[in-house]
Each structure stands twice: as structure tokens, then as C-alpha cells.
Amino acid sequence: MLSIAGRFADIITLNPPVAPDGNSIDMAEATAEATAQQIAWIREAAGDRFARLEIGNFVIGGVKTDREQQLDPRIAAAFRSRTTGEQQSPKAFIP
């Protein structure tokens, strides 16, 4: 799909895949390495037009405070690895 987008789209947004249940995302795919691979596929398919593409990336941010706060369970579930079940921290990647 990213190769097709690289050939024809002007704007491409990179997102981790949605889980088969449709209610969560696989944060194991939201790594710097996975993002770099996605950009490489786009770059190869886009050729000379790569420099003109607008590429966006999936980002979730948070702020840590001194007060104890609980993350909404729906958001917490999104950061649980579909492969290991372990809680994961979101990481930003800027290519």
C-alpha cells in the first residue's frame, strides 16, 4: 500500500496497523526501525517525486506530573504489545 501511495499520493500518513479486533493498534510496529522501513518503501516507489511528498506520522503525547493519574484504559490498551502483552511506551520518531 505504501508503494502505491509513494507512486500516486501527495500526502501520506504512517500509522501502526489496526489489530484484527478493530479496537486497538499494534504498537510493536510503531518503532523507529519500522518507520524507517516504511519511508524507504515510499522513497523507492516515489523516485524523483519523494522530495515533494508530505509525510505525517502517528504521534500520541502525554505529560507526566507529580500527581498520580491513571491513563484511560482505552489508550493504555493501544500501548500494549499484541505479541508480548507487555505495556509499551510511545516513542516519537522524526526521520
PDB file of N, CA and C in Angstrom:
ATOM      1  N   MET A   1       0.823  -1.192   0.000  1.00  0.00           N
ATOM      2  CA  MET A   1       0.000   0.000   0.000  1.00  0.00           C
ATOM      3  C   MET A   1       0.868   1.257   0.000  1.00  0.00           C
ATOM      4  N   LEU A   2       1.957   1.240   0.789  1.00  0.00           N
ATOM      5  CA  LEU A   2       2.829   2.417   0.839  1.00  0.00           C
ATOM      6  C   LEU A   2       3.539   2.641  -0.491  1.00  0.00           C
ATOM      7  N   SER A   3       3.816   1.576  -1.220  1.00  0.00           N
ATOM      8  CA  SER A   3       4.421   1.737  -2.545  1.00  0.00           C
ATOM      9  C   SER A   3       3.447   2.410  -3.503  1.00  0.00           C
ATOM     10  N   ILE A   4       2.200   2.038  -3.434  1.00  0.00           N
ATOM     11  CA  ILE A   4       1.182   2.682  -4.274  1.00  0.00           C
ATOM     12  C   ILE A   4       1.058   4.149  -3.889  1.00  0.00           C
ATOM     13  N   ALA A   5       1.014   4.407  -2.574  1.00  0.00           N
ATOM     14  CA  ALA A   5       0.935   5.796  -2.102  1.00  0.00           C
ATOM     15  C   ALA A   5       2.158   6.579  -2.567  1.00  0.00           C
ATOM     16  N   GLY A   6       3.333   5.966  -2.519  1.00  0.00           N
ATOM     17  CA  GLY A   6       4.548   6.638  -2.963  1.00  0.00           C
ATOM     18  C   GLY A   6       4.504   7.026  -4.425  1.00  0.00           C
ATOM     19  N   ARG A   7       3.854   6.201  -5.233  1.00  0.00           N
ATOM     20  CA  ARG A   7       3.767   6.498  -6.669  1.00  0.00           C
ATOM     21  C   ARG A   7       2.721   7.551  -6.996  1.00  0.00           C
ATOM     22  N   PHE A   8       1.627   7.616  -6.221  1.00  0.00           N
ATOM     23  CA  PHE A   8       0.494   8.432  -6.644  1.00  0.00           C
ATOM     24  C   PHE A   8       0.055   9.524  -5.677  1.00  0.00           C
ATOM     25  N   ALA A   9       0.287   9.357  -4.385  1.00  0.00           N
ATOM     26  CA  ALA A   9      -0.243  10.306  -3.397  1.00  0.00           C
ATOM     27  C   ALA A   9       0.669  11.518  -3.249  1.00  0.00           C
ATOM     28  N   ASP A  10       0.104  12.600  -2.771  1.00  0.00           N
ATOM     29  CA  ASP A  10       0.864  13.798  -2.423  1.00  0.00           C
ATOM     30  C   ASP A  10       1.096  13.877  -0.918  1.00  0.00           C
ATOM     31  N   ILE A  11       0.189  13.252  -0.145  1.00  0.00           N
ATOM     32  CA  ILE A  11       0.262  13.262   1.315  1.00  0.00           C
ATOM     33  C   ILE A  11       0.105  11.826   1.804  1.00  0.00           C
ATOM     34  N   ILE A  12       1.016  11.393   2.668  1.00  0.00           N
ATOM     35  CA  ILE A  12       0.980  10.028   3.202  1.00  0.00           C
ATOM     36  C   ILE A  12       1.133  10.119   4.717  1.00  0.00           C
ATOM     37  N   THR A  13       0.268   9.417   5.442  1.00  0.00           N
ATOM     38  CA  THR A  13       0.375   9.367   6.891  1.00  0.00           C
ATOM     39  C   THR A  13       0.717   7.942   7.300  1.00  0.00           C
ATOM     40  N   LEU A  14       1.745   7.803   8.113  1.00  0.00           N
ATOM     41  CA  LEU A  14       2.176   6.497   8.598  1.00  0.00           C
ATOM     42  C   LEU A  14       1.504   6.211   9.931  1.00  0.00           C
ATOM     43  N   ASN A  15       0.855   5.058  10.023  1.00  0.00           N
ATOM     44  CA  ASN A  15       0.172   4.644  11.242  1.00  0.00           C
ATOM     45  C   ASN A  15       0.493   3.192  11.536  1.00  0.00           C
ATOM     46  N   PRO A  16       0.562   2.810  12.815  1.00  0.00           N
ATOM     47  CA  PRO A  16       0.703   1.393  13.128  1.00  0.00           C
ATOM     48  C   PRO A  16      -0.556   0.653  12.661  1.00  0.00           C
ATOM     49  N   PRO A  17      -0.442  -0.636  12.371  1.00  0.00           N
ATOM     50  CA  PRO A  17      -1.618  -1.374  11.905  1.00  0.00           C
ATOM     51  C   PRO A  17      -2.674  -1.529  12.990  1.00  0.00           C
ATOM     52  N   VAL A  18      -3.909  -1.577  12.560  1.00  0.00           N
ATOM     53  CA  VAL A  18      -5.027  -1.824  13.463  1.00  0.00           C
ATOM     54  C   VAL A  18      -5.096  -3.322  13.716  1.00  0.00           C
ATOM     55  N   ALA A  19      -5.369  -3.691  14.956  1.00  0.00           N
ATOM     56  CA  ALA A  19      -5.496  -5.098  15.317  1.00  0.00           C
ATOM     57  C   ALA A  19      -6.729  -5.692  14.651  1.00  0.00           C
ATOM     58  N   PRO A  20      -6.745  -7.000  14.475  1.00  0.00           N
ATOM     59  CA  PRO A  20      -7.906  -7.650  13.838  1.00  0.00           C
ATOM     60  C   PRO A  20      -9.234  -7.358  14.527  1.00  0.00           C
ATOM     61  N   ASP A  21      -9.200  -7.090  15.846  1.00  0.00           N
ATOM     62  CA  ASP A  21     -10.459  -6.783  16.543  1.00  0.00           C
ATOM     63  C   ASP A  21     -10.977  -5.391  16.206  1.00  0.00           C
ATOM     64  N   GLY A  22     -10.152  -4.569  15.554  1.00  0.00           N
ATOM     65  CA  GLY A  22     -10.567  -3.231  15.153  1.00  0.00           C
ATOM     66  C   GLY A  22     -10.613  -2.223  16.286  1.00  0.00           C
ATOM     67  N   ASN A  23     -10.212  -2.625  17.488  1.00  0.00           N
ATOM     68  CA  ASN A  23     -10.328  -1.750  18.648  1.00  0.00           C
ATOM     69  C   ASN A  23      -9.000  -1.296  19.223  1.00  0.00           C
ATOM     70  N   SER A  24      -7.905  -1.747  18.674  1.00  0.00           N
ATOM     71  CA  SER A  24      -6.600  -1.356  19.200  1.00  0.00           C
ATOM     72  C   SER A  24      -5.590  -1.340  18.058  1.00  0.00           C
ATOM     73  N   ILE A  25      -4.408  -0.865  18.369  1.00  0.00           N
ATOM     74  CA  ILE A  25      -3.354  -0.821  17.361  1.00  0.00           C
ATOM     75  C   ILE A  25      -2.149  -1.598  17.866  1.00  0.00           C
ATOM     76  N   ASP A  26      -1.325  -2.059  16.944  1.00  0.00           N
ATOM     77  CA  ASP A  26      -0.143  -2.827  17.295  1.00  0.00           C
ATOM     78  C   ASP A  26       1.039  -1.882  17.451  1.00  0.00           C
ATOM     79  N   MET A  27       1.311  -1.468  18.682  1.00  0.00           N
ATOM     80  CA  MET A  27       2.386  -0.517  18.936  1.00  0.00           C
ATOM     81  C   MET A  27       3.763  -1.124  18.688  1.00  0.00           C
ATOM     82  N   ALA A  28       3.843  -2.442  18.538  1.00  0.00           N
ATOM     83  CA  ALA A  28       5.126  -3.068  18.201  1.00  0.00           C
ATOM     84  C   ALA A  28       5.609  -2.588  16.844  1.00  0.00           C
ATOM     85  N   GLU A  29       4.688  -2.109  16.008  1.00  0.00           N
ATOM     86  CA  GLU A  29       5.053  -1.590  14.692  1.00  0.00           C
ATOM     87  C   GLU A  29       5.335  -0.088  14.715  1.00  0.00           C
ATOM     88  N   ALA A  30       5.242   0.542  15.869  1.00  0.00           N
ATOM     89  CA  ALA A  30       5.484   1.984  15.984  1.00  0.00           C
ATOM     90  C   ALA A  30       6.887   2.231  16.512  1.00  0.00           C
ATOM     91  N   THR A  31       7.867   1.708  15.802  1.00  0.00           N
ATOM     92  CA  THR A  31       9.261   1.865  16.206  1.00  0.00           C
ATOM     93  C   THR A  31       9.998   2.704  15.171  1.00  0.00           C
ATOM     94  N   ALA A  32      11.158   3.191  15.555  1.00  0.00           N
ATOM     95  CA  ALA A  32      11.977   3.944  14.612  1.00  0.00           C
ATOM     96  C   ALA A  32      12.356   3.063  13.423  1.00  0.00           C
ATOM     97  N   GLU A  33      12.668   1.800  13.691  1.00  0.00           N
ATOM     98  CA  GLU A  33      13.058   0.892  12.615  1.00  0.00           C
ATOM     99  C   GLU A  33      11.903   0.646  11.642  1.00  0.00           C
ATOM    100  N   ALA A  34      10.714   0.402  12.170  1.00  0.00           N
ATOM    101  CA  ALA A  34       9.554   0.170  11.307  1.00  0.00           C
ATOM    102  C   ALA A  34       9.233   1.419  10.496  1.00  0.00           C
ATOM    103  N   THR A  35       9.338   2.588  11.119  1.00  0.00           N
ATOM    104  CA  THR A  35       9.067   3.841  10.412  1.00  0.00           C
ATOM    105  C   THR A  35      10.100   4.070   9.316  1.00  0.00           C
ATOM    106  N   ALA A  36      11.360   3.803   9.610  1.00  0.00           N
ATOM    107  CA  ALA A  36      12.410   3.959   8.599  1.00  0.00           C
ATOM    108  C   ALA A  36      12.162   3.028   7.412  1.00  0.00           C
ATOM    109  N   GLN A  37      11.712   1.807   7.676  1.00  0.00           N
ATOM    110  CA  GLN A  37      11.411   0.870   6.592  1.00  0.00           C
ATOM    111  C   GLN A  37      10.240   1.374   5.751  1.00  0.00           C
ATOM    112  N   GLN A  38       9.210   1.896   6.390  1.00  0.00           N
ATOM    113  CA  GLN A  38       8.063   2.432   5.660  1.00  0.00           C
ATOM    114  C   GLN A  38       8.496   3.587   4.763  1.00  0.00           C
ATOM    115  N   ILE A  39       9.324   4.473   5.292  1.00  0.00           N
ATOM    116  CA  ILE A  39       9.806   5.606   4.497  1.00  0.00           C
ATOM    117  C   ILE A  39      10.670   5.119   3.341  1.00  0.00           C
ATOM    118  N   ALA A  40      11.445   4.077   3.567  1.00  0.00           N
ATOM    119  CA  ALA A  40      12.274   3.522   2.484  1.00  0.00           C
ATOM    120  C   ALA A  40      11.398   2.986   1.353  1.00  0.00           C
ATOM    121  N   TRP A  41      10.300   2.312   1.684  1.00  0.00           N
ATOM    122  CA  TRP A  41       9.379   1.814   0.652  1.00  0.00           C
ATOM    123  C   TRP A  41       8.784   2.976  -0.136  1.00  0.00           C
ATOM    124  N   ILE A  42       8.399   4.026   0.585  1.00  0.00           N
ATOM    125  CA  ILE A  42       7.819   5.199  -0.075  1.00  0.00           C
ATOM    126  C   ILE A  42       8.864   5.858  -0.970  1.00  0.00           C
ATOM    127  N   ARG A  43      10.065   6.046  -0.457  1.00  0.00           N
ATOM    128  CA  ARG A  43      11.143   6.697  -1.213  1.00  0.00           C
ATOM    129  C   ARG A  43      11.437   5.932  -2.510  1.00  0.00           C
ATOM    130  N   GLU A  44      11.521   4.611  -2.411  1.00  0.00           N
ATOM    131  CA  GLU A  44      11.809   3.788  -3.590  1.00  0.00           C
ATOM    132  C   GLU A  44      10.699   3.916  -4.640  1.00  0.00           C
ATOM    133  N   ALA A  45       9.455   3.869  -4.190  1.00  0.00           N
ATOM    134  CA  ALA A  45       8.332   3.940  -5.121  1.00  0.00           C
ATOM    135  C   ALA A  45       8.158   5.337  -5.702  1.00  0.00           C
ATOM    136  N   ALA A  46       8.450   6.373  -4.901  1.00  0.00           N
ATOM    137  CA  ALA A  46       8.221   7.753  -5.338  1.00  0.00           C
ATOM    138  C   ALA A  46       9.287   8.240  -6.311  1.00  0.00           C
ATOM    139  N   GLY A  47      10.495   7.721  -6.189  1.00  0.00           N
ATOM    140  CA  GLY A  47      11.565   8.175  -7.070  1.00  0.00           C
ATOM    141  C   GLY A  47      11.806   9.663  -6.915  1.00  0.00           C
ATOM    142  N   ASP A  48      11.847  10.374  -8.051  1.00  0.00           N
ATOM    143  CA  ASP A  48      12.149  11.810  -8.053  1.00  0.00           C
ATOM    144  C   ASP A  48      11.107  12.652  -7.321  1.00  0.00           C
ATOM    145  N   ARG A  49       9.906  12.154  -7.171  1.00  0.00           N
ATOM    146  CA  ARG A  49       8.863  12.958  -6.530  1.00  0.00           C
ATOM    147  C   ARG A  49       8.898  12.876  -5.004  1.00  0.00           C
ATOM    148  N   PHE A  50       9.786  12.069  -4.429  1.00  0.00           N
ATOM    149  CA  PHE A  50       9.842  11.892  -2.972  1.00  0.00           C
ATOM    150  C   PHE A  50       9.992  13.224  -2.233  1.00  0.00           C
ATOM    151  N   ALA A  51      10.844  14.105  -2.710  1.00  0.00           N
ATOM    152  CA  ALA A  51      11.090  15.387  -2.030  1.00  0.00           C
ATOM    153  C   ALA A  51       9.842  16.263  -1.972  1.00  0.00           C
ATOM    154  N   ARG A  52       8.878  16.022  -2.830  1.00  0.00           N
ATOM    155  CA  ARG A  52       7.651  16.830  -2.849  1.00  0.00           C
ATOM    156  C   ARG A  52       6.535  16.228  -2.004  1.00  0.00           C
ATOM    157  N   LEU A  53       6.739  15.020  -1.470  1.00  0.00           N
ATOM    158  CA  LEU A  53       5.698  14.376  -0.674  1.00  0.00           C
ATOM    159  C   LEU A  53       5.607  14.983   0.720  1.00  0.00           C
ATOM    160  N   GLU A  54       4.403  15.015   1.241  1.00  0.00           N
ATOM    161  CA  GLU A  54       4.179  15.394   2.633  1.00  0.00           C
ATOM    162  C   GLU A  54       3.937  14.104   3.400  1.00  0.00           C
ATOM    163  N   ILE A  55       4.787  13.822   4.387  1.00  0.00           N
ATOM    164  CA  ILE A  55       4.658  12.582   5.149  1.00  0.00           C
ATOM    165  C   ILE A  55       4.372  12.925   6.601  1.00  0.00           C
ATOM    166  N   GLY A  56       3.299  12.347   7.121  1.00  0.00           N
ATOM    167  CA  GLY A  56       2.921  12.535   8.515  1.00  0.00           C
ATOM    168  C   GLY A  56       3.159  11.249   9.275  1.00  0.00           C
ATOM    169  N   ASN A  57       3.183  11.343  10.599  1.00  0.00           N
ATOM    170  CA  ASN A  57       3.451  10.183  11.431  1.00  0.00           C
ATOM    171  C   ASN A  57       2.498  10.168  12.612  1.00  0.00           C
ATOM    172  N   PHE A  58       2.159   8.986  13.058  1.00  0.00           N
ATOM    173  CA  PHE A  58       1.301   8.744  14.207  1.00  0.00           C
ATOM    174  C   PHE A  58       2.020   9.187  15.478  1.00  0.00           C
ATOM    175  N   VAL A  59       1.403  10.062  16.257  1.00  0.00           N
ATOM    176  CA  VAL A  59       2.031  10.544  17.489  1.00  0.00           C
ATOM    177  C   VAL A  59       0.975  10.612  18.585  1.00  0.00           C
ATOM    178  N   ILE A  60       1.312  10.078  19.739  1.00  0.00           N
ATOM    179  CA  ILE A  60       0.482  10.253  20.936  1.00  0.00           C
ATOM    180  C   ILE A  60       1.408  10.818  21.988  1.00  0.00           C
ATOM    181  N   GLY A  61       0.991  11.892  22.625  1.00  0.00           N
ATOM    182  CA  GLY A  61       1.839  12.516  23.631  1.00  0.00           C
ATOM    183  C   GLY A  61       1.184  12.484  24.987  1.00  0.00           C
ATOM    184  N   GLY A  62       1.972  12.736  25.973  1.00  0.00           N
ATOM    185  CA  GLY A  62       1.465  12.794  27.331  1.00  0.00           C
ATOM    186  C   GLY A  62       2.361  13.673  28.170  1.00  0.00           C
ATOM    187  N   VAL A  63       1.877  14.047  29.320  1.00  0.00           N
ATOM    188  CA  VAL A  63       2.641  14.882  30.241  1.00  0.00           C
ATOM    189  C   VAL A  63       2.665  14.185  31.588  1.00  0.00           C
ATOM    190  N   LYS A  64       3.857  14.049  32.152  1.00  0.00           N
ATOM    191  CA  LYS A  64       3.986  13.446  33.468  1.00  0.00           C
ATOM    192  C   LYS A  64       3.964  14.556  34.505  1.00  0.00           C
ATOM    193  N   THR A  65       3.153  14.367  35.536  1.00  0.00           N
ATOM    194  CA  THR A  65       3.065  15.354  36.611  1.00  0.00           C
ATOM    195  C   THR A  65       3.372  14.678  37.939  1.00  0.00           C
ATOM    196  N   ASP A  66       3.425  15.471  38.996  1.00  0.00           N
ATOM    197  CA  ASP A  66       3.646  14.923  40.331  1.00  0.00           C
ATOM    198  C   ASP A  66       2.400  14.233  40.872  1.00  0.00           C
ATOM    199  N   ARG A  67       1.250  14.601  40.357  1.00  0.00           N
ATOM    200  CA  ARG A  67       0.002  13.984  40.808  1.00  0.00           C
ATOM    201  C   ARG A  67      -0.147  12.603  40.185  1.00  0.00           C
ATOM    202  N   GLU A  68      -0.680  11.690  40.949  1.00  0.00           N
ATOM    203  CA  GLU A  68      -0.935  10.354  40.408  1.00  0.00           C
ATOM    204  C   GLU A  68      -2.127  10.446  39.458  1.00  0.00           C
ATOM    205  N   GLN A  69      -1.936   9.959  38.260  1.00  0.00           N
ATOM    206  CA  GLN A  69      -3.009   9.958  37.277  1.00  0.00           C
ATOM    207  C   GLN A  69      -3.083   8.587  36.642  1.00  0.00           C
ATOM    208  N   GLN A  70      -4.258   8.236  36.208  1.00  0.00           N
ATOM    209  CA  GLN A  70      -4.426   6.950  35.554  1.00  0.00           C
ATOM    210  C   GLN A  70      -4.732   7.185  34.083  1.00  0.00           C
ATOM    211  N   LEU A  71      -4.034   6.458  33.248  1.00  0.00           N
ATOM    212  CA  LEU A  71      -4.257   6.545  31.820  1.00  0.00           C
ATOM    213  C   LEU A  71      -5.591   5.889  31.491  1.00  0.00           C
ATOM    214  N   ASP A  72      -6.361   6.517  30.618  1.00  0.00           N
ATOM    215  CA  ASP A  72      -7.620   5.943  30.179  1.00  0.00           C
ATOM    216  C   ASP A  72      -7.363   4.515  29.694  1.00  0.00           C
ATOM    217  N   PRO A  73      -8.125   3.525  30.151  1.00  0.00           N
ATOM    218  CA  PRO A  73      -7.878   2.137  29.765  1.00  0.00           C
ATOM    219  C   PRO A  73      -7.913   1.905  28.258  1.00  0.00           C
ATOM    220  N   ARG A  74      -8.695   2.700  27.540  1.00  0.00           N
ATOM    221  CA  ARG A  74      -8.746   2.540  26.077  1.00  0.00           C
ATOM    222  C   ARG A  74      -7.429   2.960  25.447  1.00  0.00           C
ATOM    223  N   ILE A  75      -6.793   4.005  26.002  1.00  0.00           N
ATOM    224  CA  ILE A  75      -5.496   4.434  25.486  1.00  0.00           C
ATOM    225  C   ILE A  75      -4.416   3.459  25.940  1.00  0.00           C
ATOM    226  N   ALA A  76      -4.476   3.022  27.196  1.00  0.00           N
ATOM    227  CA  ALA A  76      -3.492   2.071  27.703  1.00  0.00           C
ATOM    228  C   ALA A  76      -3.488   0.800  26.863  1.00  0.00           C
ATOM    229  N   ALA A  77      -4.647   0.353  26.439  1.00  0.00           N
ATOM    230  CA  ALA A  77      -4.731  -0.862  25.628  1.00  0.00           C
ATOM    231  C   ALA A  77      -4.014  -0.685  24.295  1.00  0.00           C
ATOM    232  N   ALA A  78      -4.022   0.519  23.779  1.00  0.00           N
ATOM    233  CA  ALA A  78      -3.360   0.779  22.497  1.00  0.00           C
ATOM    234  C   ALA A  78      -1.851   0.627  22.607  1.00  0.00           C
ATOM    235  N   PHE A  79      -1.324   0.778  23.825  1.00  0.00           N
ATOM    236  CA  PHE A  79       0.116   0.681  24.017  1.00  0.00           C
ATOM    237  C   PHE A  79       0.547  -0.672  24.567  1.00  0.00           C
ATOM    238  N   ARG A  80      -0.328  -1.632  24.502  1.00  0.00           N
ATOM    239  CA  ARG A  80       0.006  -2.976  24.928  1.00  0.00           C
ATOM    240  C   ARG A  80       0.429  -3.766  23.696  1.00  0.00           C
ATOM    241  N   SER A  81       1.570  -4.392  23.773  1.00  0.00           N
ATOM    242  CA  SER A  81       2.079  -5.155  22.634  1.00  0.00           C
ATOM    243  C   SER A  81       1.137  -6.304  22.303  1.00  0.00           C
ATOM    244  N   ARG A  82       0.781  -6.430  21.038  1.00  0.00           N
ATOM    245  CA  ARG A  82      -0.080  -7.529  20.603  1.00  0.00           C
ATOM    246  C   ARG A  82       0.691  -8.843  20.630  1.00  0.00           C
ATOM    247  N   THR A  83       2.017  -8.785  20.638  1.00  0.00           N
ATOM    248  CA  THR A  83       2.809 -10.008  20.597  1.00  0.00           C
ATOM    249  C   THR A  83       3.228 -10.480  21.986  1.00  0.00           C
ATOM    250  N   THR A  84       3.581  -9.549  22.882  1.00  0.00           N
ATOM    251  CA  THR A  84       4.076  -9.956  24.199  1.00  0.00           C
ATOM    252  C   THR A  84       3.092  -9.660  25.320  1.00  0.00           C
ATOM    253  N   GLY A  85       2.125  -8.770  25.083  1.00  0.00           N
ATOM    254  CA  GLY A  85       1.187  -8.377  26.128  1.00  0.00           C
ATOM    255  C   GLY A  85       1.756  -7.358  27.097  1.00  0.00           C
ATOM    256  N   GLU A  86       3.021  -6.960  26.906  1.00  0.00           N
ATOM    257  CA  GLU A  86       3.651  -6.007  27.807  1.00  0.00           C
ATOM    258  C   GLU A  86       3.241  -4.582  27.458  1.00  0.00           C
ATOM    259  N   GLN A  87       3.194  -3.752  28.488  1.00  0.00           N
ATOM    260  CA  GLN A  87       2.901  -2.340  28.279  1.00  0.00           C
ATOM    261  C   GLN A  87       4.070  -1.696  27.550  1.00  0.00           C
ATOM    262  N   GLN A  88       3.792  -0.819  26.607  1.00  0.00           N
ATOM    263  CA  GLN A  88       4.839  -0.165  25.854  1.00  0.00           C
ATOM    264  C   GLN A  88       4.690   1.343  25.976  1.00  0.00           C
ATOM    265  N   SER A  89       5.801   2.034  25.895  1.00  0.00           N
ATOM    266  CA  SER A  89       5.782   3.490  25.905  1.00  0.00           C
ATOM    267  C   SER A  89       5.783   3.986  24.476  1.00  0.00           C
ATOM    268  N   PRO A  90       4.964   4.992  24.161  1.00  0.00           N
ATOM    269  CA  PRO A  90       5.016   5.558  22.819  1.00  0.00           C
ATOM    270  C   PRO A  90       6.328   6.289  22.621  1.00  0.00           C
ATOM    271  N   LYS A  91       6.890   6.180  21.435  1.00  0.00           N
ATOM    272  CA  LYS A  91       8.145   6.856  21.118  1.00  0.00           C
ATOM    273  C   LYS A  91       7.965   7.645  19.846  1.00  0.00           C
ATOM    274  N   ALA A  92       8.435   8.858  19.855  1.00  0.00           N
ATOM    275  CA  ALA A  92       8.368   9.692  18.659  1.00  0.00           C
ATOM    276  C   ALA A  92       9.579   9.407  17.785  1.00  0.00           C
ATOM    277  N   PHE A  93       9.388   9.467  16.497  1.00  0.00           N
ATOM    278  CA  PHE A  93      10.474   9.280  15.556  1.00  0.00           C
ATOM    279  C   PHE A  93      10.361  10.342  14.494  1.00  0.00           C
ATOM    280  N   ILE A  94      11.420  11.081  14.284  1.00  0.00           N
ATOM    281  CA  ILE A  94      11.426  12.105  13.245  1.00  0.00           C
ATOM    282  C   ILE A  94      12.496  11.718  12.240  1.00  0.00           C
ATOM    283  N   PRO A  95      12.074  11.339  11.018  1.00  0.00           N
ATOM    284  CA  PRO A  95      13.061  10.884  10.026  1.00  0.00           C
ATOM    285  C   PRO A  95      13.938  12.021   9.533  1.00  0.00           C
TER     286      PRO A  95
END
